[in-house]
Amino acid sequence: MSKMTVKITTKRQATFPAHVLDTLGVGPGDRLELREEGDGYLLKPLRIDESLLGGLRGRLKRGRGAFDLEAVREAASAPSLRD
């Protein structure tokens, strides 16, 4: 296990090394989950709960370009699909 230092800014923001974020598979706009465990915290990427995506069934077509999640969030009637 390697040891790293992350600096906290005056706005309480932290910048993680790129290779850490790459390993977690996250990028700008993604969210991280912090879970308290024992004497520290566990950092995990926050993934979409696929069980909440049932309303999208039939609206997605394979091989038909990129999926615009923001457009679906704006149009969604179920608040749980927004964030």
PDB file of N, CA and C in Angstrom:
ATOM      1  N   MET A   1       0.843  -1.170   0.000  1.00  0.00           N
ATOM      2  CA  MET A   1       0.000   0.000   0.000  1.00  0.00           C
ATOM      3  C   MET A   1       0.892   1.238   0.000  1.00  0.00           C
ATOM      4  N   SER A   2       0.609   2.198  -0.899  1.00  0.00           N
ATOM      5  CA  SER A   2       1.408   3.409  -0.948  1.00  0.00           C
ATOM      6  C   SER A   2       0.794   4.492  -0.070  1.00  0.00           C
ATOM      7  N   LYS A   3       1.604   5.454   0.279  1.00  0.00           N
ATOM      8  CA  LYS A   3       1.178   6.542   1.140  1.00  0.00           C
ATOM      9  C   LYS A   3       1.228   7.842   0.338  1.00  0.00           C
ATOM     10  N   MET A   4       0.187   8.666   0.426  1.00  0.00           N
ATOM     11  CA  MET A   4       0.117   9.924  -0.301  1.00  0.00           C
ATOM     12  C   MET A   4      -0.379  11.021   0.627  1.00  0.00           C
ATOM     13  N   THR A   5      -0.085  12.258   0.245  1.00  0.00           N
ATOM     14  CA  THR A   5      -0.586  13.414   0.965  1.00  0.00           C
ATOM     15  C   THR A   5      -1.494  14.195   0.030  1.00  0.00           C
ATOM     16  N   VAL A   6      -2.661  14.593   0.524  1.00  0.00           N
ATOM     17  CA  VAL A   6      -3.615  15.380  -0.241  1.00  0.00           C
ATOM     18  C   VAL A   6      -3.803  16.691   0.511  1.00  0.00           C
ATOM     19  N   LYS A   7      -3.632  17.820  -0.180  1.00  0.00           N
ATOM     20  CA  LYS A   7      -3.752  19.131   0.441  1.00  0.00           C
ATOM     21  C   LYS A   7      -5.201  19.607   0.389  1.00  0.00           C
ATOM     22  N   ILE A   8      -5.662  20.204   1.479  1.00  0.00           N
ATOM     23  CA  ILE A   8      -7.002  20.766   1.574  1.00  0.00           C
ATOM     24  C   ILE A   8      -6.892  22.280   1.396  1.00  0.00           C
ATOM     25  N   THR A   9      -7.716  22.849   0.502  1.00  0.00           N
ATOM     26  CA  THR A   9      -7.676  24.283   0.248  1.00  0.00           C
ATOM     27  C   THR A   9      -8.493  25.027   1.298  1.00  0.00           C
ATOM     28  N   THR A  10      -8.469  26.366   1.228  1.00  0.00           N
ATOM     29  CA  THR A  10      -9.246  27.178   2.169  1.00  0.00           C
ATOM     30  C   THR A  10     -10.744  26.966   1.983  1.00  0.00           C
ATOM     31  N   LYS A  11     -11.151  26.486   0.797  1.00  0.00           N
ATOM     32  CA  LYS A  11     -12.557  26.182   0.546  1.00  0.00           C
ATOM     33  C   LYS A  11     -12.903  24.740   0.917  1.00  0.00           C
ATOM     34  N   ARG A  12     -11.975  24.063   1.605  1.00  0.00           N
ATOM     35  CA  ARG A  12     -12.140  22.665   2.031  1.00  0.00           C
ATOM     36  C   ARG A  12     -12.253  21.706   0.862  1.00  0.00           C
ATOM     37  N   GLN A  13     -11.621  22.034  -0.243  1.00  0.00           N
ATOM     38  CA  GLN A  13     -11.589  21.155  -1.401  1.00  0.00           C
ATOM     39  C   GLN A  13     -10.265  20.402  -1.420  1.00  0.00           C
ATOM     40  N   ALA A  14     -10.290  19.203  -1.960  1.00  0.00           N
ATOM     41  CA  ALA A  14      -9.089  18.373  -2.029  1.00  0.00           C
ATOM     42  C   ALA A  14      -8.814  18.005  -3.478  1.00  0.00           C
ATOM     43  N   THR A  15      -7.540  17.948  -3.830  1.00  0.00           N
ATOM     44  CA  THR A  15      -7.135  17.514  -5.161  1.00  0.00           C
ATOM     45  C   THR A  15      -6.405  16.187  -5.011  1.00  0.00           C
ATOM     46  N   PHE A  16      -6.905  15.172  -5.704  1.00  0.00           N
ATOM     47  CA  PHE A  16      -6.302  13.852  -5.644  1.00  0.00           C
ATOM     48  C   PHE A  16      -5.384  13.660  -6.847  1.00  0.00           C
ATOM     49  N   PRO A  17      -4.329  12.894  -6.697  1.00  0.00           N
ATOM     50  CA  PRO A  17      -3.461  12.598  -7.843  1.00  0.00           C
ATOM     51  C   PRO A  17      -4.264  11.933  -8.966  1.00  0.00           C
ATOM     52  N   ALA A  18      -3.919  12.269 -10.203  1.00  0.00           N
ATOM     53  CA  ALA A  18      -4.647  11.757 -11.375  1.00  0.00           C
ATOM     54  C   ALA A  18      -4.694  10.236 -11.386  1.00  0.00           C
ATOM     55  N   HIS A  19      -3.585   9.584 -11.023  1.00  0.00           N
ATOM     56  CA  HIS A  19      -3.588   8.116 -11.092  1.00  0.00           C
ATOM     57  C   HIS A  19      -4.552   7.496 -10.091  1.00  0.00           C
ATOM     58  N   VAL A  20      -4.819   8.176  -8.978  1.00  0.00           N
ATOM     59  CA  VAL A  20      -5.792   7.681  -8.001  1.00  0.00           C
ATOM     60  C   VAL A  20      -7.196   7.754  -8.588  1.00  0.00           C
ATOM     61  N   LEU A  21      -7.524   8.897  -9.203  1.00  0.00           N
ATOM     62  CA  LEU A  21      -8.847   9.055  -9.803  1.00  0.00           C
ATOM     63  C   LEU A  21      -9.027   8.126 -10.994  1.00  0.00           C
ATOM     64  N   ASP A  22      -7.959   7.913 -11.760  1.00  0.00           N
ATOM     65  CA  ASP A  22      -8.014   6.966 -12.877  1.00  0.00           C
ATOM     66  C   ASP A  22      -8.291   5.554 -12.367  1.00  0.00           C
ATOM     67  N   THR A  23      -7.636   5.185 -11.282  1.00  0.00           N
ATOM     68  CA  THR A  23      -7.836   3.859 -10.695  1.00  0.00           C
ATOM     69  C   THR A  23      -9.273   3.692 -10.202  1.00  0.00           C
ATOM     70  N   LEU A  24      -9.834   4.763  -9.631  1.00  0.00           N
ATOM     71  CA  LEU A  24     -11.223   4.723  -9.156  1.00  0.00           C
ATOM     72  C   LEU A  24     -12.213   4.794 -10.311  1.00  0.00           C
ATOM     73  N   GLY A  25     -11.739   5.216 -11.477  1.00  0.00           N
ATOM     74  CA  GLY A  25     -12.614   5.325 -12.638  1.00  0.00           C
ATOM     75  C   GLY A  25     -13.545   6.525 -12.568  1.00  0.00           C
ATOM     76  N   VAL A  26     -13.075   7.622 -11.966  1.00  0.00           N
ATOM     77  CA  VAL A  26     -13.892   8.827 -11.841  1.00  0.00           C
ATOM     78  C   VAL A  26     -13.241  10.001 -12.545  1.00  0.00           C
ATOM     79  N   GLY A  27     -14.059  10.984 -12.869  1.00  0.00           N
ATOM     80  CA  GLY A  27     -13.584  12.186 -13.542  1.00  0.00           C
ATOM     81  C   GLY A  27     -14.402  13.382 -13.093  1.00  0.00           C
ATOM     82  N   PRO A  28     -14.218  14.520 -13.777  1.00  0.00           N
ATOM     83  CA  PRO A  28     -14.949  15.740 -13.407  1.00  0.00           C
ATOM     84  C   PRO A  28     -16.454  15.509 -13.388  1.00  0.00           C
ATOM     85  N   GLY A  29     -17.095  15.955 -12.323  1.00  0.00           N
ATOM     86  CA  GLY A  29     -18.540  15.814 -12.180  1.00  0.00           C
ATOM     87  C   GLY A  29     -18.983  14.541 -11.493  1.00  0.00           C
ATOM     88  N   ASP A  30     -18.110  13.538 -11.415  1.00  0.00           N
ATOM     89  CA  ASP A  30     -18.457  12.298 -10.712  1.00  0.00           C
ATOM     90  C   ASP A  30     -18.444  12.551  -9.211  1.00  0.00           C
ATOM     91  N   ARG A  31     -19.052  11.659  -8.489  1.00  0.00           N
ATOM     92  CA  ARG A  31     -19.125  11.796  -7.034  1.00  0.00           C
ATOM     93  C   ARG A  31     -18.412  10.640  -6.351  1.00  0.00           C
ATOM     94  N   LEU A  32     -17.869  10.935  -5.177  1.00  0.00           N
ATOM     95  CA  LEU A  32     -17.199   9.934  -4.356  1.00  0.00           C
ATOM     96  C   LEU A  32     -17.971   9.760  -3.063  1.00  0.00           C
ATOM     97  N   GLU A  33     -17.978   8.553  -2.568  1.00  0.00           N
ATOM     98  CA  GLU A  33     -18.620   8.235  -1.293  1.00  0.00           C
ATOM     99  C   GLU A  33     -17.531   8.084  -0.242  1.00  0.00           C
ATOM    100  N   LEU A  34     -17.707   8.737   0.900  1.00  0.00           N
ATOM    101  CA  LEU A  34     -16.813   8.562   2.046  1.00  0.00           C
ATOM    102  C   LEU A  34     -17.587   7.805   3.105  1.00  0.00           C
ATOM    103  N   ARG A  35     -17.056   6.675   3.522  1.00  0.00           N
ATOM    104  CA  ARG A  35     -17.725   5.854   4.524  1.00  0.00           C
ATOM    105  C   ARG A  35     -16.795   5.715   5.726  1.00  0.00           C
ATOM    106  N   GLU A  36     -17.312   6.069   6.904  1.00  0.00           N
ATOM    107  CA  GLU A  36     -16.516   5.950   8.114  1.00  0.00           C
ATOM    108  C   GLU A  36     -16.353   4.482   8.467  1.00  0.00           C
ATOM    109  N   GLU A  37     -15.110   4.066   8.667  1.00  0.00           N
ATOM    110  CA  GLU A  37     -14.813   2.668   8.995  1.00  0.00           C
ATOM    111  C   GLU A  37     -13.681   2.611  10.011  1.00  0.00           C
ATOM    112  N   GLY A  38     -13.990   2.154  11.181  1.00  0.00           N
ATOM    113  CA  GLY A  38     -12.969   1.985  12.205  1.00  0.00           C
ATOM    114  C   GLY A  38     -12.256   3.279  12.531  1.00  0.00           C
ATOM    115  N   ASP A  39     -10.961   3.327  12.263  1.00  0.00           N
ATOM    116  CA  ASP A  39     -10.166   4.508  12.602  1.00  0.00           C
ATOM    117  C   ASP A  39      -9.923   5.431  11.405  1.00  0.00           C
ATOM    118  N   GLY A  40     -10.724   5.303  10.349  1.00  0.00           N
ATOM    119  CA  GLY A  40     -10.534   6.152   9.176  1.00  0.00           C
ATOM    120  C   GLY A  40     -11.768   6.159   8.291  1.00  0.00           C
ATOM    121  N   TYR A  41     -11.551   6.500   7.030  1.00  0.00           N
ATOM    122  CA  TYR A  41     -12.629   6.567   6.059  1.00  0.00           C
ATOM    123  C   TYR A  41     -12.268   5.762   4.823  1.00  0.00           C
ATOM    124  N   LEU A  42     -13.277   5.185   4.195  1.00  0.00           N
ATOM    125  CA  LEU A  42     -13.124   4.454   2.947  1.00  0.00           C
ATOM    126  C   LEU A  42     -13.659   5.338   1.833  1.00  0.00           C
ATOM    127  N   LEU A  43     -12.875   5.535   0.783  1.00  0.00           N
ATOM    128  CA  LEU A  43     -13.243   6.364  -0.358  1.00  0.00           C
ATOM    129  C   LEU A  43     -13.602   5.459  -1.520  1.00  0.00           C
ATOM    130  N   LYS A  44     -14.846   5.616  -2.042  1.00  0.00           N
ATOM    131  CA  LYS A  44     -15.309   4.775  -3.144  1.00  0.00           C
ATOM    132  C   LYS A  44     -16.033   5.635  -4.160  1.00  0.00           C
ATOM    133  N   PRO A  45     -15.968   5.262  -5.428  1.00  0.00           N
ATOM    134  CA  PRO A  45     -16.776   5.983  -6.417  1.00  0.00           C
ATOM    135  C   PRO A  45     -18.253   5.714  -6.166  1.00  0.00           C
ATOM    136  N   LEU A  46     -19.071   6.735  -6.328  1.00  0.00           N
ATOM    137  CA  LEU A  46     -20.513   6.585  -6.163  1.00  0.00           C
ATOM    138  C   LEU A  46     -21.082   6.196  -7.510  1.00  0.00           C
ATOM    139  N   ARG A  47     -21.620   5.008  -7.599  1.00  0.00           N
ATOM    140  CA  ARG A  47     -22.141   4.471  -8.852  1.00  0.00           C
ATOM    141  C   ARG A  47     -23.650   4.651  -8.929  1.00  0.00           C
ATOM    142  N   ILE A  48     -24.168   4.695 -10.124  1.00  0.00           N
ATOM    143  CA  ILE A  48     -25.606   4.807 -10.330  1.00  0.00           C
ATOM    144  C   ILE A  48     -26.275   3.509  -9.901  1.00  0.00           C
ATOM    145  N   ASP A  49     -27.350   3.633  -9.133  1.00  0.00           N
ATOM    146  CA  ASP A  49     -28.132   2.472  -8.725  1.00  0.00           C
ATOM    147  C   ASP A  49     -28.957   2.034  -9.926  1.00  0.00           C
ATOM    148  N   GLU A  50     -28.536   0.967 -10.577  1.00  0.00           N
ATOM    149  CA  GLU A  50     -29.178   0.526 -11.814  1.00  0.00           C
ATOM    150  C   GLU A  50     -30.642   0.156 -11.632  1.00  0.00           C
ATOM    151  N   SER A  51     -31.056  -0.141 -10.409  1.00  0.00           N
ATOM    152  CA  SER A  51     -32.466  -0.475 -10.184  1.00  0.00           C
ATOM    153  C   SER A  51     -33.369   0.740 -10.400  1.00  0.00           C
ATOM    154  N   LEU A  52     -32.787   1.951 -10.346  1.00  0.00           N
ATOM    155  CA  LEU A  52     -33.567   3.167 -10.556  1.00  0.00           C
ATOM    156  C   LEU A  52     -33.712   3.523 -12.033  1.00  0.00           C
ATOM    157  N   LEU A  53     -33.077   2.772 -12.912  1.00  0.00           N
ATOM    158  CA  LEU A  53     -33.075   3.105 -14.334  1.00  0.00           C
ATOM    159  C   LEU A  53     -34.141   2.361 -15.136  1.00  0.00           C
ATOM    160  N   GLY A  54     -35.041   1.668 -14.453  1.00  0.00           N
ATOM    161  CA  GLY A  54     -36.076   0.903 -15.147  1.00  0.00           C
ATOM    162  C   GLY A  54     -36.915   1.751 -16.089  1.00  0.00           C
ATOM    163  N   GLY A  55     -37.118   3.017 -15.757  1.00  0.00           N
ATOM    164  CA  GLY A  55     -37.894   3.903 -16.602  1.00  0.00           C
ATOM    165  C   GLY A  55     -37.224   4.230 -17.925  1.00  0.00           C
ATOM    166  N   LEU A  56     -35.961   3.898 -18.063  1.00  0.00           N
ATOM    167  CA  LEU A  56     -35.227   4.160 -19.306  1.00  0.00           C
ATOM    168  C   LEU A  56     -35.327   2.995 -20.289  1.00  0.00           C
ATOM    169  N   ARG A  57     -35.869   1.878 -19.823  1.00  0.00           N
ATOM    170  CA  ARG A  57     -35.982   0.709 -20.686  1.00  0.00           C
ATOM    171  C   ARG A  57     -36.770   1.063 -21.948  1.00  0.00           C
ATOM    172  N   GLY A  58     -36.244   0.713 -23.080  1.00  0.00           N
ATOM    173  CA  GLY A  58     -36.891   0.998 -24.354  1.00  0.00           C
ATOM    174  C   GLY A  58     -36.556   2.365 -24.929  1.00  0.00           C
ATOM    175  N   ARG A  59     -35.918   3.240 -24.114  1.00  0.00           N
ATOM    176  CA  ARG A  59     -35.539   4.564 -24.599  1.00  0.00           C
ATOM    177  C   ARG A  59     -34.099   4.590 -25.086  1.00  0.00           C
ATOM    178  N   LEU A  60     -33.354   3.532 -24.799  1.00  0.00           N
ATOM    179  CA  LEU A  60     -31.950   3.452 -25.204  1.00  0.00           C
ATOM    180  C   LEU A  60     -31.803   2.449 -26.332  1.00  0.00           C
ATOM    181  N   LYS A  61     -31.026   2.822 -27.323  1.00  0.00           N
ATOM    182  CA  LYS A  61     -30.788   1.916 -28.449  1.00  0.00           C
ATOM    183  C   LYS A  61     -29.291   1.682 -28.581  1.00  0.00           C
ATOM    184  N   ARG A  62     -28.914   0.415 -28.652  1.00  0.00           N
ATOM    185  CA  ARG A  62     -27.497   0.068 -28.782  1.00  0.00           C
ATOM    186  C   ARG A  62     -26.929   0.591 -30.097  1.00  0.00           C
ATOM    187  N   GLY A  63     -25.707   1.113 -30.003  1.00  0.00           N
ATOM    188  CA  GLY A  63     -25.000   1.567 -31.188  1.00  0.00           C
ATOM    189  C   GLY A  63     -25.563   2.830 -31.814  1.00  0.00           C
ATOM    190  N   ARG A  64     -26.359   3.580 -31.070  1.00  0.00           N
ATOM    191  CA  ARG A  64     -26.978   4.788 -31.625  1.00  0.00           C
ATOM    192  C   ARG A  64     -26.409   6.060 -30.991  1.00  0.00           C
ATOM    193  N   GLY A  65     -25.102   6.187 -30.870  1.00  0.00           N
ATOM    194  CA  GLY A  65     -24.499   7.408 -30.336  1.00  0.00           C
ATOM    195  C   GLY A  65     -24.466   7.449 -28.826  1.00  0.00           C
ATOM    196  N   ALA A  66     -24.102   8.613 -28.329  1.00  0.00           N
ATOM    197  CA  ALA A  66     -23.923   8.798 -26.891  1.00  0.00           C
ATOM    198  C   ALA A  66     -25.267   8.996 -26.199  1.00  0.00           C
ATOM    199  N   PHE A  67     -25.322   8.592 -24.967  1.00  0.00           N
ATOM    200  CA  PHE A  67     -26.503   8.755 -24.127  1.00  0.00           C
ATOM    201  C   PHE A  67     -26.347  10.042 -23.328  1.00  0.00           C
ATOM    202  N   ASP A  68     -27.326  10.921 -23.347  1.00  0.00           N
ATOM    203  CA  ASP A  68     -27.282  12.199 -22.654  1.00  0.00           C
ATOM    204  C   ASP A  68     -28.027  12.095 -21.326  1.00  0.00           C
ATOM    205  N   LEU A  69     -27.291  11.775 -20.264  1.00  0.00           N
ATOM    206  CA  LEU A  69     -27.888  11.587 -18.944  1.00  0.00           C
ATOM    207  C   LEU A  69     -28.511  12.877 -18.426  1.00  0.00           C
ATOM    208  N   GLU A  70     -27.872  14.009 -18.692  1.00  0.00           N
ATOM    209  CA  GLU A  70     -28.409  15.284 -18.212  1.00  0.00           C
ATOM    210  C   GLU A  70     -29.790  15.560 -18.819  1.00  0.00           C
ATOM    211  N   ALA A  71     -29.980  15.249 -20.088  1.00  0.00           N
ATOM    212  CA  ALA A  71     -31.277  15.451 -20.734  1.00  0.00           C
ATOM    213  C   ALA A  71     -32.336  14.571 -20.085  1.00  0.00           C
ATOM    214  N   VAL A  72     -31.980  13.347 -19.721  1.00  0.00           N
ATOM    215  CA  VAL A  72     -32.924  12.443 -19.068  1.00  0.00           C
ATOM    216  C   VAL A  72     -33.246  12.950 -17.667  1.00  0.00           C
ATOM    217  N   ARG A  73     -32.238  13.453 -16.951  1.00  0.00           N
ATOM    218  CA  ARG A  73     -32.491  13.987 -15.607  1.00  0.00           C
ATOM    219  C   ARG A  73     -33.467  15.161 -15.669  1.00  0.00           C
ATOM    220  N   GLU A  74     -33.311  16.035 -16.644  1.00  0.00           N
ATOM    221  CA  GLU A  74     -34.191  17.190 -16.774  1.00  0.00           C
ATOM    222  C   GLU A  74     -35.619  16.760 -17.111  1.00  0.00           C
ATOM    223  N   ALA A  75     -35.770  15.722 -17.920  1.00  0.00           N
ATOM    224  CA  ALA A  75     -37.091  15.274 -18.367  1.00  0.00           C
ATOM    225  C   ALA A  75     -37.731  14.276 -17.403  1.00  0.00           C
ATOM    226  N   ALA A  76     -36.960  13.710 -16.509  1.00  0.00           N
ATOM    227  CA  ALA A  76     -37.461  12.643 -15.634  1.00  0.00           C
ATOM    228  C   ALA A  76     -38.556  13.143 -14.701  1.00  0.00           C
ATOM    229  N   SER A  77     -39.566  12.329 -14.504  1.00  0.00           N
ATOM    230  CA  SER A  77     -40.622  12.692 -13.569  1.00  0.00           C
ATOM    231  C   SER A  77     -40.331  12.157 -12.176  1.00  0.00           C
ATOM    232  N   ALA A  78     -39.509  11.121 -12.081  1.00  0.00           N
ATOM    233  CA  ALA A  78     -39.166  10.543 -10.780  1.00  0.00           C
ATOM    234  C   ALA A  78     -37.970  11.302 -10.194  1.00  0.00           C
ATOM    235  N   PRO A  79     -38.127  11.984  -9.049  1.00  0.00           N
ATOM    236  CA  PRO A  79     -37.033  12.749  -8.455  1.00  0.00           C
ATOM    237  C   PRO A  79     -35.790  11.895  -8.181  1.00  0.00           C
ATOM    238  N   SER A  80     -35.957  10.605  -7.947  1.00  0.00           N
ATOM    239  CA  SER A  80     -34.815   9.729  -7.650  1.00  0.00           C
ATOM    240  C   SER A  80     -33.875   9.581  -8.840  1.00  0.00           C
ATOM    241  N   LEU A  81     -34.339   9.896 -10.041  1.00  0.00           N
ATOM    242  CA  LEU A  81     -33.487   9.790 -11.224  1.00  0.00           C
ATOM    243  C   LEU A  81     -32.651  11.046 -11.443  1.00  0.00           C
ATOM    244  N   ARG A  82     -32.941  12.105 -10.730  1.00  0.00           N
ATOM    245  CA  ARG A  82     -32.238  13.368 -10.937  1.00  0.00           C
ATOM    246  C   ARG A  82     -30.854  13.350 -10.326  1.00  0.00           C
ATOM    247  N   ASP A  83     -30.643  12.797  -9.147  1.00  0.00           N
ATOM    248  CA  ASP A  83     -29.318  12.677  -8.516  1.00  0.00           C
ATOM    249  C   ASP A  83     -29.333  11.698  -7.403  1.00  0.00           C
TER     250      ASP A  83
END
